[in-house]
Amino acid sequence: MIQLSPHMRVFVYVTPVDFRSGIDGLAGVCRSKLGQNPMSGAVFLFINRHRAAMKLLTFDGQGFVMCHKRLSQGKFKFWPQSTYALTGPQVLVLLYNGDPCGSKMAPAWKPLPVPI
């Protein structure tokens, strides 16, 4: 299971990808198109041409984990059109076909009041 925490780095590849690509193909996209090491522990998100399916790729220290979500009806309503940074909680909103930019979330971190 993948734990998406607020401090995780998430990279979104905004161009649709051929979903016949497996782990090696998506890892190649991470290296060549995003300029990132797919074994860094970051989370990488990809979408297909029809915007009805999304793949998530990450490396957990032992091997790659790839998750595939396909909507049974409709398309993903939100997908960035240019380079975009998401947090772990925003990825969860995106996976539920929500708009991570429009959702109101608590800040990932806030300072605690100093006791007097």
PDB file of N, CA and C in Angstrom:
ATOM      1  N   MET A   1       0.841  -1.177   0.000  1.00  0.00           N
ATOM      2  CA  MET A   1       0.000   0.000   0.000  1.00  0.00           C
ATOM      3  C   MET A   1       0.885   1.239   0.000  1.00  0.00           C
ATOM      4  N   ILE A   2       0.444   2.262  -0.690  1.00  0.00           N
ATOM      5  CA  ILE A   2       1.189   3.510  -0.774  1.00  0.00           C
ATOM      6  C   ILE A   2       0.589   4.500   0.208  1.00  0.00           C
ATOM      7  N   GLN A   3       1.433   5.046   1.049  1.00  0.00           N
ATOM      8  CA  GLN A   3       0.998   6.086   1.983  1.00  0.00           C
ATOM      9  C   GLN A   3       1.363   7.431   1.386  1.00  0.00           C
ATOM     10  N   LEU A   4       0.380   8.236   1.061  1.00  0.00           N
ATOM     11  CA  LEU A   4       0.620   9.555   0.498  1.00  0.00           C
ATOM     12  C   LEU A   4       0.587  10.581   1.615  1.00  0.00           C
ATOM     13  N   SER A   5       1.758  11.093   1.951  1.00  0.00           N
ATOM     14  CA  SER A   5       1.849  12.064   3.037  1.00  0.00           C
ATOM     15  C   SER A   5       2.106  13.454   2.456  1.00  0.00           C
ATOM     16  N   PRO A   6       1.857  14.497   3.242  1.00  0.00           N
ATOM     17  CA  PRO A   6       2.009  15.864   2.730  1.00  0.00           C
ATOM     18  C   PRO A   6       3.421  16.216   2.269  1.00  0.00           C
ATOM     19  N   HIS A   7       4.442  15.551   2.812  1.00  0.00           N
ATOM     20  CA  HIS A   7       5.809  15.907   2.447  1.00  0.00           C
ATOM     21  C   HIS A   7       6.339  15.179   1.213  1.00  0.00           C
ATOM     22  N   MET A   8       5.567  14.266   0.630  1.00  0.00           N
ATOM     23  CA  MET A   8       6.032  13.522  -0.543  1.00  0.00           C
ATOM     24  C   MET A   8       6.116  14.424  -1.763  1.00  0.00           C
ATOM     25  N   ARG A   9       7.120  14.173  -2.570  1.00  0.00           N
ATOM     26  CA  ARG A   9       7.230  14.886  -3.838  1.00  0.00           C
ATOM     27  C   ARG A   9       6.384  14.160  -4.869  1.00  0.00           C
ATOM     28  N   VAL A  10       5.571  14.914  -5.581  1.00  0.00           N
ATOM     29  CA  VAL A  10       4.676  14.354  -6.590  1.00  0.00           C
ATOM     30  C   VAL A  10       4.946  15.074  -7.904  1.00  0.00           C
ATOM     31  N   PHE A  11       5.208  14.305  -8.950  1.00  0.00           N
ATOM     32  CA  PHE A  11       5.426  14.863 -10.273  1.00  0.00           C
ATOM     33  C   PHE A  11       4.287  14.418 -11.180  1.00  0.00           C
ATOM     34  N   VAL A  12       3.696  15.367 -11.880  1.00  0.00           N
ATOM     35  CA  VAL A  12       2.594  15.082 -12.800  1.00  0.00           C
ATOM     36  C   VAL A  12       3.107  15.254 -14.218  1.00  0.00           C
ATOM     37  N   TYR A  13       3.028  14.196 -15.006  1.00  0.00           N
ATOM     38  CA  TYR A  13       3.367  14.294 -16.422  1.00  0.00           C
ATOM     39  C   TYR A  13       2.088  14.680 -17.141  1.00  0.00           C
ATOM     40  N   VAL A  14       2.048  15.889 -17.672  1.00  0.00           N
ATOM     41  CA  VAL A  14       0.786  16.447 -18.162  1.00  0.00           C
ATOM     42  C   VAL A  14       0.380  15.921 -19.537  1.00  0.00           C
ATOM     43  N   THR A  15       1.320  15.420 -20.311  1.00  0.00           N
ATOM     44  CA  THR A  15       1.022  14.886 -21.638  1.00  0.00           C
ATOM     45  C   THR A  15       0.474  13.462 -21.505  1.00  0.00           C
ATOM     46  N   PRO A  16      -0.608  13.137 -22.209  1.00  0.00           N
ATOM     47  CA  PRO A  16      -1.133  11.763 -22.127  1.00  0.00           C
ATOM     48  C   PRO A  16      -0.095  10.726 -22.554  1.00  0.00           C
ATOM     49  N   VAL A  17      -0.151   9.573 -21.909  1.00  0.00           N
ATOM     50  CA  VAL A  17       0.799   8.482 -22.134  1.00  0.00           C
ATOM     51  C   VAL A  17       0.044   7.272 -22.664  1.00  0.00           C
ATOM     52  N   ASP A  18       0.700   6.503 -23.524  1.00  0.00           N
ATOM     53  CA  ASP A  18       0.140   5.240 -24.001  1.00  0.00           C
ATOM     54  C   ASP A  18       0.170   4.259 -22.832  1.00  0.00           C
ATOM     55  N   PHE A  19      -0.995   3.815 -22.381  1.00  0.00           N
ATOM     56  CA  PHE A  19      -1.064   2.970 -21.193  1.00  0.00           C
ATOM     57  C   PHE A  19      -0.690   1.519 -21.456  1.00  0.00           C
ATOM     58  N   ARG A  20      -0.281   1.202 -22.663  1.00  0.00           N
ATOM     59  CA  ARG A  20       0.295  -0.118 -22.885  1.00  0.00           C
ATOM     60  C   ARG A  20       1.701  -0.168 -22.292  1.00  0.00           C
ATOM     61  N   SER A  21       2.235   1.023 -21.978  1.00  0.00           N
ATOM     62  CA  SER A  21       3.551   1.100 -21.331  1.00  0.00           C
ATOM     63  C   SER A  21       3.445   0.515 -19.928  1.00  0.00           C
ATOM     64  N   GLY A  22       4.398  -0.293 -19.599  1.00  0.00           N
ATOM     65  CA  GLY A  22       4.434  -0.851 -18.254  1.00  0.00           C
ATOM     66  C   GLY A  22       5.330  -0.007 -17.360  1.00  0.00           C
ATOM     67  N   ILE A  23       5.821  -0.621 -16.317  1.00  0.00           N
ATOM     68  CA  ILE A  23       6.670   0.077 -15.363  1.00  0.00           C
ATOM     69  C   ILE A  23       7.923   0.625 -16.036  1.00  0.00           C
ATOM     70  N   ASP A  24       8.561  -0.187 -16.881  1.00  0.00           N
ATOM     71  CA  ASP A  24       9.795   0.262 -17.520  1.00  0.00           C
ATOM     72  C   ASP A  24       9.548   1.436 -18.460  1.00  0.00           C
ATOM     73  N   GLY A  25       8.451   1.412 -19.187  1.00  0.00           N
ATOM     74  CA  GLY A  25       8.121   2.517 -20.087  1.00  0.00           C
ATOM     75  C   GLY A  25       7.842   3.804 -19.332  1.00  0.00           C
ATOM     76  N   LEU A  26       7.107   3.711 -18.237  1.00  0.00           N
ATOM     77  CA  LEU A  26       6.812   4.899 -17.441  1.00  0.00           C
ATOM     78  C   LEU A  26       8.062   5.413 -16.720  1.00  0.00           C
ATOM     79  N   ALA A  27       8.915   4.501 -16.271  1.00  0.00           N
ATOM     80  CA  ALA A  27      10.178   4.922 -15.649  1.00  0.00           C
ATOM     81  C   ALA A  27      11.047   5.652 -16.669  1.00  0.00           C
ATOM     82  N   GLY A  28      10.990   5.210 -17.925  1.00  0.00           N
ATOM     83  CA  GLY A  28      11.714   5.901 -18.988  1.00  0.00           C
ATOM     84  C   GLY A  28      11.188   7.307 -19.221  1.00  0.00           C
ATOM     85  N   VAL A  29       9.875   7.484 -19.121  1.00  0.00           N
ATOM     86  CA  VAL A  29       9.282   8.820 -19.248  1.00  0.00           C
ATOM     87  C   VAL A  29       9.761   9.704 -18.098  1.00  0.00           C
ATOM     88  N   CYS A  30       9.847   9.135 -16.898  1.00  0.00           N
ATOM     89  CA  CYS A  30      10.344   9.903 -15.744  1.00  0.00           C
ATOM     90  C   CYS A  30      11.751  10.416 -16.009  1.00  0.00           C
ATOM     91  N   ARG A  31      12.595   9.554 -16.564  1.00  0.00           N
ATOM     92  CA  ARG A  31      13.982   9.944 -16.823  1.00  0.00           C
ATOM     93  C   ARG A  31      14.103  10.926 -17.983  1.00  0.00           C
ATOM     94  N   SER A  32      13.492  10.567 -19.113  1.00  0.00           N
ATOM     95  CA  SER A  32      13.720  11.352 -20.332  1.00  0.00           C
ATOM     96  C   SER A  32      12.888  12.623 -20.418  1.00  0.00           C
ATOM     97  N   LYS A  33      11.642  12.576 -20.008  1.00  0.00           N
ATOM     98  CA  LYS A  33      10.755  13.737 -20.174  1.00  0.00           C
ATOM     99  C   LYS A  33      10.701  14.625 -18.933  1.00  0.00           C
ATOM    100  N   LEU A  34      10.699  14.008 -17.749  1.00  0.00           N
ATOM    101  CA  LEU A  34      10.618  14.789 -16.513  1.00  0.00           C
ATOM    102  C   LEU A  34      11.992  15.109 -15.924  1.00  0.00           C
ATOM    103  N   GLY A  35      13.024  14.388 -16.385  1.00  0.00           N
ATOM    104  CA  GLY A  35      14.370  14.607 -15.859  1.00  0.00           C
ATOM    105  C   GLY A  35      14.511  14.201 -14.403  1.00  0.00           C
ATOM    106  N   GLN A  36      13.736  13.216 -13.970  1.00  0.00           N
ATOM    107  CA  GLN A  36      13.743  12.769 -12.577  1.00  0.00           C
ATOM    108  C   GLN A  36      14.152  11.304 -12.499  1.00  0.00           C
ATOM    109  N   ASN A  37      14.726  10.931 -11.381  1.00  0.00           N
ATOM    110  CA  ASN A  37      15.088   9.544 -11.128  1.00  0.00           C
ATOM    111  C   ASN A  37      13.843   8.822 -10.614  1.00  0.00           C
ATOM    112  N   PRO A  38      13.328   7.833 -11.340  1.00  0.00           N
ATOM    113  CA  PRO A  38      12.124   7.140 -10.890  1.00  0.00           C
ATOM    114  C   PRO A  38      12.327   6.335  -9.605  1.00  0.00           C
ATOM    115  N   MET A  39      13.579   6.116  -9.208  1.00  0.00           N
ATOM    116  CA  MET A  39      13.870   5.364  -7.981  1.00  0.00           C
ATOM    117  C   MET A  39      14.094   6.289  -6.785  1.00  0.00           C
ATOM    118  N   SER A  40      13.716   7.553  -6.914  1.00  0.00           N
ATOM    119  CA  SER A  40      13.952   8.530  -5.856  1.00  0.00           C
ATOM    120  C   SER A  40      12.942   8.441  -4.715  1.00  0.00           C
ATOM    121  N   GLY A  41      11.868   7.702  -4.911  1.00  0.00           N
ATOM    122  CA  GLY A  41      10.825   7.627  -3.895  1.00  0.00           C
ATOM    123  C   GLY A  41       9.697   8.616  -4.129  1.00  0.00           C
ATOM    124  N   ALA A  42       9.843   9.451  -5.140  1.00  0.00           N
ATOM    125  CA  ALA A  42       8.778  10.392  -5.489  1.00  0.00           C
ATOM    126  C   ALA A  42       7.620   9.635  -6.146  1.00  0.00           C
ATOM    127  N   VAL A  43       6.481  10.289  -6.204  1.00  0.00           N
ATOM    128  CA  VAL A  43       5.299   9.722  -6.849  1.00  0.00           C
ATOM    129  C   VAL A  43       5.147  10.392  -8.210  1.00  0.00           C
ATOM    130  N   PHE A  44       4.898   9.597  -9.239  1.00  0.00           N
ATOM    131  CA  PHE A  44       4.730  10.103 -10.597  1.00  0.00           C
ATOM    132  C   PHE A  44       3.319   9.758 -11.072  1.00  0.00           C
ATOM    133  N   LEU A  45       2.619  10.739 -11.608  1.00  0.00           N
ATOM    134  CA  LEU A  45       1.253  10.540 -12.101  1.00  0.00           C
ATOM    135  C   LEU A  45       1.210  10.687 -13.609  1.00  0.00           C
ATOM    136  N   PHE A  46       0.446   9.807 -14.245  1.00  0.00           N
ATOM    137  CA  PHE A  46       0.277   9.819 -15.695  1.00  0.00           C
ATOM    138  C   PHE A  46      -1.207   9.652 -16.020  1.00  0.00           C
ATOM    139  N   ILE A  47      -1.622  10.157 -17.163  1.00  0.00           N
ATOM    140  CA  ILE A  47      -3.013  10.008 -17.603  1.00  0.00           C
ATOM    141  C   ILE A  47      -3.011   9.479 -19.031  1.00  0.00           C
ATOM    142  N   ASN A  48      -4.090   8.796 -19.409  1.00  0.00           N
ATOM    143  CA  ASN A  48      -4.173   8.289 -20.774  1.00  0.00           C
ATOM    144  C   ASN A  48      -4.819   9.339 -21.694  1.00  0.00           C
ATOM    145  N   ARG A  49      -4.847   9.036 -22.972  1.00  0.00           N
ATOM    146  CA  ARG A  49      -5.334   9.978 -23.980  1.00  0.00           C
ATOM    147  C   ARG A  49      -6.792  10.340 -23.772  1.00  0.00           C
ATOM    148  N   HIS A  50      -7.615   9.415 -23.330  1.00  0.00           N
ATOM    149  CA  HIS A  50      -9.051   9.661 -23.153  1.00  0.00           C
ATOM    150  C   HIS A  50      -9.380  10.298 -21.802  1.00  0.00           C
ATOM    151  N   ARG A  51      -8.390  10.449 -20.936  1.00  0.00           N
ATOM    152  CA  ARG A  51      -8.544  11.013 -19.588  1.00  0.00           C
ATOM    153  C   ARG A  51      -9.527  10.207 -18.733  1.00  0.00           C
ATOM    154  N   ALA A  52      -9.626   8.925 -19.021  1.00  0.00           N
ATOM    155  CA  ALA A  52     -10.499   8.058 -18.243  1.00  0.00           C
ATOM    156  C   ALA A  52      -9.699   7.170 -17.295  1.00  0.00           C
ATOM    157  N   ALA A  53      -8.377   7.200 -17.401  1.00  0.00           N
ATOM    158  CA  ALA A  53      -7.538   6.355 -16.559  1.00  0.00           C
ATOM    159  C   ALA A  53      -6.283   7.117 -16.148  1.00  0.00           C
ATOM    160  N   MET A  54      -5.790   6.758 -14.977  1.00  0.00           N
ATOM    161  CA  MET A  54      -4.607   7.394 -14.417  1.00  0.00           C
ATOM    162  C   MET A  54      -3.704   6.294 -13.862  1.00  0.00           C
ATOM    163  N   LYS A  55      -2.403   6.482 -14.010  1.00  0.00           N
ATOM    164  CA  LYS A  55      -1.437   5.567 -13.406  1.00  0.00           C
ATOM    165  C   LYS A  55      -0.554   6.345 -12.456  1.00  0.00           C
ATOM    166  N   LEU A  56      -0.215   5.692 -11.374  1.00  0.00           N
ATOM    167  CA  LEU A  56       0.653   6.241 -10.343  1.00  0.00           C
ATOM    168  C   LEU A  56       1.847   5.301 -10.230  1.00  0.00           C
ATOM    169  N   LEU A  57       3.051   5.850 -10.281  1.00  0.00           N
ATOM    170  CA  LEU A  57       4.267   5.043 -10.201  1.00  0.00           C
ATOM    171  C   LEU A  57       5.153   5.584  -9.089  1.00  0.00           C
ATOM    172  N   THR A  58       5.675   4.686  -8.258  1.00  0.00           N
ATOM    173  CA  THR A  58       6.623   5.073  -7.216  1.00  0.00           C
ATOM    174  C   THR A  58       7.547   3.898  -6.930  1.00  0.00           C
ATOM    175  N   PHE A  59       8.646   4.178  -6.291  1.00  0.00           N
ATOM    176  CA  PHE A  59       9.610   3.158  -5.886  1.00  0.00           C
ATOM    177  C   PHE A  59       9.630   3.134  -4.372  1.00  0.00           C
ATOM    178  N   ASP A  60       9.404   1.970  -3.768  1.00  0.00           N
ATOM    179  CA  ASP A  60       9.286   1.885  -2.307  1.00  0.00           C
ATOM    180  C   ASP A  60      10.554   1.405  -1.611  1.00  0.00           C
ATOM    181  N   GLY A  61      11.654   1.312  -2.324  1.00  0.00           N
ATOM    182  CA  GLY A  61      12.905   0.848  -1.734  1.00  0.00           C
ATOM    183  C   GLY A  61      13.220  -0.586  -2.085  1.00  0.00           C
ATOM    184  N   GLN A  62      12.203  -1.381  -2.386  1.00  0.00           N
ATOM    185  CA  GLN A  62      12.398  -2.772  -2.787  1.00  0.00           C
ATOM    186  C   GLN A  62      12.076  -2.987  -4.256  1.00  0.00           C
ATOM    187  N   GLY A  63      11.192  -2.176  -4.774  1.00  0.00           N
ATOM    188  CA  GLY A  63      10.779  -2.317  -6.161  1.00  0.00           C
ATOM    189  C   GLY A  63       9.750  -1.259  -6.516  1.00  0.00           C
ATOM    190  N   PHE A  64       9.335  -1.275  -7.757  1.00  0.00           N
ATOM    191  CA  PHE A  64       8.354  -0.303  -8.217  1.00  0.00           C
ATOM    192  C   PHE A  64       6.943  -0.735  -7.853  1.00  0.00           C
ATOM    193  N   VAL A  65       6.111   0.247  -7.565  1.00  0.00           N
ATOM    194  CA  VAL A  65       4.694   0.033  -7.332  1.00  0.00           C
ATOM    195  C   VAL A  65       3.964   0.872  -8.362  1.00  0.00           C
ATOM    196  N   MET A  66       3.052   0.239  -9.101  1.00  0.00           N
ATOM    197  CA  MET A  66       2.260   0.957 -10.091  1.00  0.00           C
ATOM    198  C   MET A  66       0.786   0.707  -9.795  1.00  0.00           C
ATOM    199  N   CYS A  67       0.049   1.786  -9.656  1.00  0.00           N
ATOM    200  CA  CYS A  67      -1.394   1.697  -9.445  1.00  0.00           C
ATOM    201  C   CYS A  67      -2.092   2.248 -10.681  1.00  0.00           C
ATOM    202  N   HIS A  68      -3.174   1.626 -11.041  1.00  0.00           N
ATOM    203  CA  HIS A  68      -3.941   2.041 -12.212  1.00  0.00           C
ATOM    204  C   HIS A  68      -5.377   2.280 -11.768  1.00  0.00           C
ATOM    205  N   LYS A  69      -5.869   3.481 -12.026  1.00  0.00           N
ATOM    206  CA  LYS A  69      -7.272   3.776 -11.721  1.00  0.00           C
ATOM    207  C   LYS A  69      -7.962   4.118 -13.018  1.00  0.00           C
ATOM    208  N   ARG A  70      -9.048   3.394 -13.313  1.00  0.00           N
ATOM    209  CA  ARG A  70      -9.859   3.666 -14.497  1.00  0.00           C
ATOM    210  C   ARG A  70     -11.265   3.970 -14.036  1.00  0.00           C
ATOM    211  N   LEU A  71     -11.783   5.101 -14.493  1.00  0.00           N
ATOM    212  CA  LEU A  71     -13.150   5.466 -14.141  1.00  0.00           C
ATOM    213  C   LEU A  71     -14.128   4.581 -14.908  1.00  0.00           C
ATOM    214  N   SER A  72     -15.191   4.167 -14.260  1.00  0.00           N
ATOM    215  CA  SER A  72     -16.188   3.348 -14.937  1.00  0.00           C
ATOM    216  C   SER A  72     -17.076   4.196 -15.840  1.00  0.00           C
ATOM    217  N   GLN A  73     -17.195   5.483 -15.521  1.00  0.00           N
ATOM    218  CA  GLN A  73     -17.970   6.412 -16.349  1.00  0.00           C
ATOM    219  C   GLN A  73     -17.273   7.759 -16.367  1.00  0.00           C
ATOM    220  N   GLY A  74     -17.313   8.408 -17.504  1.00  0.00           N
ATOM    221  CA  GLY A  74     -16.800   9.767 -17.600  1.00  0.00           C
ATOM    222  C   GLY A  74     -15.289   9.853 -17.671  1.00  0.00           C
ATOM    223  N   LYS A  75     -14.812  11.064 -17.461  1.00  0.00           N
ATOM    224  CA  LYS A  75     -13.387  11.366 -17.536  1.00  0.00           C
ATOM    225  C   LYS A  75     -12.959  12.097 -16.278  1.00  0.00           C
ATOM    226  N   PHE A  76     -11.649  12.133 -16.059  1.00  0.00           N
ATOM    227  CA  PHE A  76     -11.134  12.935 -14.969  1.00  0.00           C
ATOM    228  C   PHE A  76     -11.379  14.399 -15.315  1.00  0.00           C
ATOM    229  N   LYS A  77     -12.042  15.100 -14.417  1.00  0.00           N
ATOM    230  CA  LYS A  77     -12.432  16.483 -14.683  1.00  0.00           C
ATOM    231  C   LYS A  77     -11.243  17.425 -14.644  1.00  0.00           C
ATOM    232  N   PHE A  78     -10.294  17.159 -13.770  1.00  0.00           N
ATOM    233  CA  PHE A  78      -9.141  18.038 -13.608  1.00  0.00           C
ATOM    234  C   PHE A  78      -7.876  17.308 -14.024  1.00  0.00           C
ATOM    235  N   TRP A  79      -7.097  17.936 -14.855  1.00  0.00           N
ATOM    236  CA  TRP A  79      -5.751  17.464 -15.143  1.00  0.00           C
ATOM    237  C   TRP A  79      -4.937  18.688 -15.539  1.00  0.00           C
ATOM    238  N   PRO A  80      -3.800  18.898 -14.919  1.00  0.00           N
ATOM    239  CA  PRO A  80      -3.015  20.096 -15.214  1.00  0.00           C
ATOM    240  C   PRO A  80      -2.611  20.155 -16.685  1.00  0.00           C
ATOM    241  N   GLN A  81      -2.519  21.349 -17.215  1.00  0.00           N
ATOM    242  CA  GLN A  81      -2.119  21.545 -18.606  1.00  0.00           C
ATOM    243  C   GLN A  81      -0.657  21.966 -18.731  1.00  0.00           C
ATOM    244  N   SER A  82      -0.017  22.281 -17.623  1.00  0.00           N
ATOM    245  CA  SER A  82       1.399  22.633 -17.623  1.00  0.00           C
ATOM    246  C   SER A  82       2.016  22.068 -16.343  1.00  0.00           C
ATOM    247  N   THR A  83       3.297  22.270 -16.184  1.00  0.00           N
ATOM    248  CA  THR A  83       3.996  21.738 -15.023  1.00  0.00           C
ATOM    249  C   THR A  83       3.265  22.133 -13.748  1.00  0.00           C
ATOM    250  N   TYR A  84       3.055  21.158 -12.902  1.00  0.00           N
ATOM    251  CA  TYR A  84       2.215  21.373 -11.740  1.00  0.00           C
ATOM    252  C   TYR A  84       2.737  20.537 -10.588  1.00  0.00           C
ATOM    253  N   ALA A  85       2.734  21.090  -9.398  1.00  0.00           N
ATOM    254  CA  ALA A  85       3.165  20.359  -8.212  1.00  0.00           C
ATOM    255  C   ALA A  85       1.954  20.060  -7.340  1.00  0.00           C
ATOM    256  N   LEU A  86       1.819  18.823  -6.935  1.00  0.00           N
ATOM    257  CA  LEU A  86       0.734  18.401  -6.058  1.00  0.00           C
ATOM    258  C   LEU A  86       1.317  17.869  -4.760  1.00  0.00           C
ATOM    259  N   THR A  87       0.539  17.921  -3.703  1.00  0.00           N
ATOM    260  CA  THR A  87       0.908  17.297  -2.439  1.00  0.00           C
ATOM    261  C   THR A  87       0.213  15.937  -2.359  1.00  0.00           C
ATOM    262  N   GLY A  88       0.605  15.134  -1.387  1.00  0.00           N
ATOM    263  CA  GLY A  88      -0.026  13.823  -1.200  1.00  0.00           C
ATOM    264  C   GLY A  88      -1.536  13.909  -1.040  1.00  0.00           C
ATOM    265  N   PRO A  89      -2.053  14.771  -0.152  1.00  0.00           N
ATOM    266  CA  PRO A  89      -3.498  14.878  -0.008  1.00  0.00           C
ATOM    267  C   PRO A  89      -4.203  15.341  -1.295  1.00  0.00           C
ATOM    268  N   GLN A  90      -3.548  16.187  -2.077  1.00  0.00           N
ATOM    269  CA  GLN A  90      -4.152  16.622  -3.337  1.00  0.00           C
ATOM    270  C   GLN A  90      -4.235  15.478  -4.340  1.00  0.00           C
ATOM    271  N   VAL A  91      -3.275  14.553  -4.298  1.00  0.00           N
ATOM    272  CA  VAL A  91      -3.332  13.376  -5.168  1.00  0.00           C
ATOM    273  C   VAL A  91      -4.562  12.543  -4.828  1.00  0.00           C
ATOM    274  N   LEU A  92      -4.852  12.402  -3.541  1.00  0.00           N
ATOM    275  CA  LEU A  92      -6.038  11.638  -3.135  1.00  0.00           C
ATOM    276  C   LEU A  92      -7.317  12.288  -3.670  1.00  0.00           C
ATOM    277  N   VAL A  93      -7.382  13.613  -3.627  1.00  0.00           N
ATOM    278  CA  VAL A  93      -8.541  14.320  -4.183  1.00  0.00           C
ATOM    279  C   VAL A  93      -8.629  14.064  -5.685  1.00  0.00           C
ATOM    280  N   LEU A  94      -7.496  14.113  -6.365  1.00  0.00           N
ATOM    281  CA  LEU A  94      -7.461  13.866  -7.806  1.00  0.00           C
ATOM    282  C   LEU A  94      -7.911  12.449  -8.140  1.00  0.00           C
ATOM    283  N   LEU A  95      -7.497  11.474  -7.332  1.00  0.00           N
ATOM    284  CA  LEU A  95      -7.900  10.082  -7.569  1.00  0.00           C
ATOM    285  C   LEU A  95      -9.411   9.886  -7.406  1.00  0.00           C
ATOM    286  N   TYR A  96     -10.043  10.730  -6.599  1.00  0.00           N
ATOM    287  CA  TYR A  96     -11.498  10.670  -6.446  1.00  0.00           C
ATOM    288  C   TYR A  96     -12.207  11.581  -7.433  1.00  0.00           C
ATOM    289  N   ASN A  97     -11.485  11.967  -8.499  1.00  0.00           N
ATOM    290  CA  ASN A  97     -12.018  12.780  -9.592  1.00  0.00           C
ATOM    291  C   ASN A  97     -12.437  14.173  -9.122  1.00  0.00           C
ATOM    292  N   GLY A  98     -11.685  14.706  -8.187  1.00  0.00           N
ATOM    293  CA  GLY A  98     -11.941  16.055  -7.706  1.00  0.00           C
ATOM    294  C   GLY A  98     -10.907  17.033  -8.231  1.00  0.00           C
ATOM    295  N   ASP A  99     -11.109  18.287  -7.962  1.00  0.00           N
ATOM    296  CA  ASP A  99     -10.178  19.337  -8.346  1.00  0.00           C
ATOM    297  C   ASP A  99      -9.317  19.671  -7.132  1.00  0.00           C
ATOM    298  N   PRO A 100      -8.049  19.263  -7.127  1.00  0.00           N
ATOM    299  CA  PRO A 100      -7.214  19.517  -5.958  1.00  0.00           C
ATOM    300  C   PRO A 100      -6.945  21.000  -5.717  1.00  0.00           C
ATOM    301  N   CYS A 101      -7.083  21.821  -6.748  1.00  0.00           N
ATOM    302  CA  CYS A 101      -6.859  23.258  -6.580  1.00  0.00           C
ATOM    303  C   CYS A 101      -8.057  23.927  -5.927  1.00  0.00           C
ATOM    304  N   GLY A 102      -9.249  23.417  -6.197  1.00  0.00           N
ATOM    305  CA  GLY A 102     -10.461  24.038  -5.688  1.00  0.00           C
ATOM    306  C   GLY A 102     -10.916  23.514  -4.345  1.00  0.00           C
ATOM    307  N   SER A 103     -10.294  22.437  -3.869  1.00  0.00           N
ATOM    308  CA  SER A 103     -10.739  21.868  -2.602  1.00  0.00           C
ATOM    309  C   SER A 103     -10.075  22.592  -1.436  1.00  0.00           C
ATOM    310  N   LYS A 104     -10.815  22.759  -0.387  1.00  0.00           N
ATOM    311  CA  LYS A 104     -10.315  23.434   0.822  1.00  0.00           C
ATOM    312  C   LYS A 104      -9.730  22.379   1.756  1.00  0.00           C
ATOM    313  N   MET A 105      -8.432  22.472   1.986  1.00  0.00           N
ATOM    314  CA  MET A 105      -7.764  21.519   2.864  1.00  0.00           C
ATOM    315  C   MET A 105      -7.031  22.272   3.965  1.00  0.00           C
ATOM    316  N   ALA A 106      -6.849  21.604   5.052  1.00  0.00           N
ATOM    317  CA  ALA A 106      -6.041  22.176   6.130  1.00  0.00           C
ATOM    318  C   ALA A 106      -4.603  22.275   5.651  1.00  0.00           C
ATOM    319  N   PRO A 107      -3.863  23.254   6.127  1.00  0.00           N
ATOM    320  CA  PRO A 107      -2.453  23.337   5.723  1.00  0.00           C
ATOM    321  C   PRO A 107      -1.691  22.104   6.173  1.00  0.00           C
ATOM    322  N   ALA A 108      -0.676  21.729   5.396  1.00  0.00           N
ATOM    323  CA  ALA A 108       0.109  20.545   5.714  1.00  0.00           C
ATOM    324  C   ALA A 108       0.876  20.722   7.015  1.00  0.00           C
ATOM    325  N   TRP A 109       1.217  21.950   7.357  1.00  0.00           N
ATOM    326  CA  TRP A 109       1.982  22.213   8.566  1.00  0.00           C
ATOM    327  C   TRP A 109       1.650  23.605   9.060  1.00  0.00           C
ATOM    328  N   LYS A 110       1.518  23.727  10.331  1.00  0.00           N
ATOM    329  CA  LYS A 110       1.334  25.060  10.914  1.00  0.00           C
ATOM    330  C   LYS A 110       2.063  25.081  12.251  1.00  0.00           C
ATOM    331  N   PRO A 111       2.625  26.218  12.616  1.00  0.00           N
ATOM    332  CA  PRO A 111       3.371  26.287  13.877  1.00  0.00           C
ATOM    333  C   PRO A 111       2.426  26.180  15.064  1.00  0.00           C
ATOM    334  N   LEU A 112       2.886  25.548  16.114  1.00  0.00           N
ATOM    335  CA  LEU A 112       2.114  25.445  17.337  1.00  0.00           C
ATOM    336  C   LEU A 112       2.318  26.714  18.160  1.00  0.00           C
ATOM    337  N   PRO A 113       1.299  27.128  18.875  1.00  0.00           N
ATOM    338  CA  PRO A 113       1.475  28.306  19.734  1.00  0.00           C
ATOM    339  C   PRO A 113       2.485  28.001  20.843  1.00  0.00           C
ATOM    340  N   VAL A 114       3.280  29.007  21.158  1.00  0.00           N
ATOM    341  CA  VAL A 114       4.283  28.858  22.209  1.00  0.00           C
ATOM    342  C   VAL A 114       3.610  29.100  23.552  1.00  0.00           C
ATOM    343  N   PRO A 115       3.723  28.150  24.506  1.00  0.00           N
ATOM    344  CA  PRO A 115       3.108  28.367  25.816  1.00  0.00           C
ATOM    345  C   PRO A 115       3.846  29.475  26.575  1.00  0.00           C
ATOM    346  N   ILE A 116       3.092  30.240  27.307  1.00  0.00           N
ATOM    347  CA  ILE A 116       3.679  31.351  28.065  1.00  0.00           C
ATOM    348  C   ILE A 116       3.961  30.927  29.485  1.00  0.00           C
TER     349      ILE A 116
END
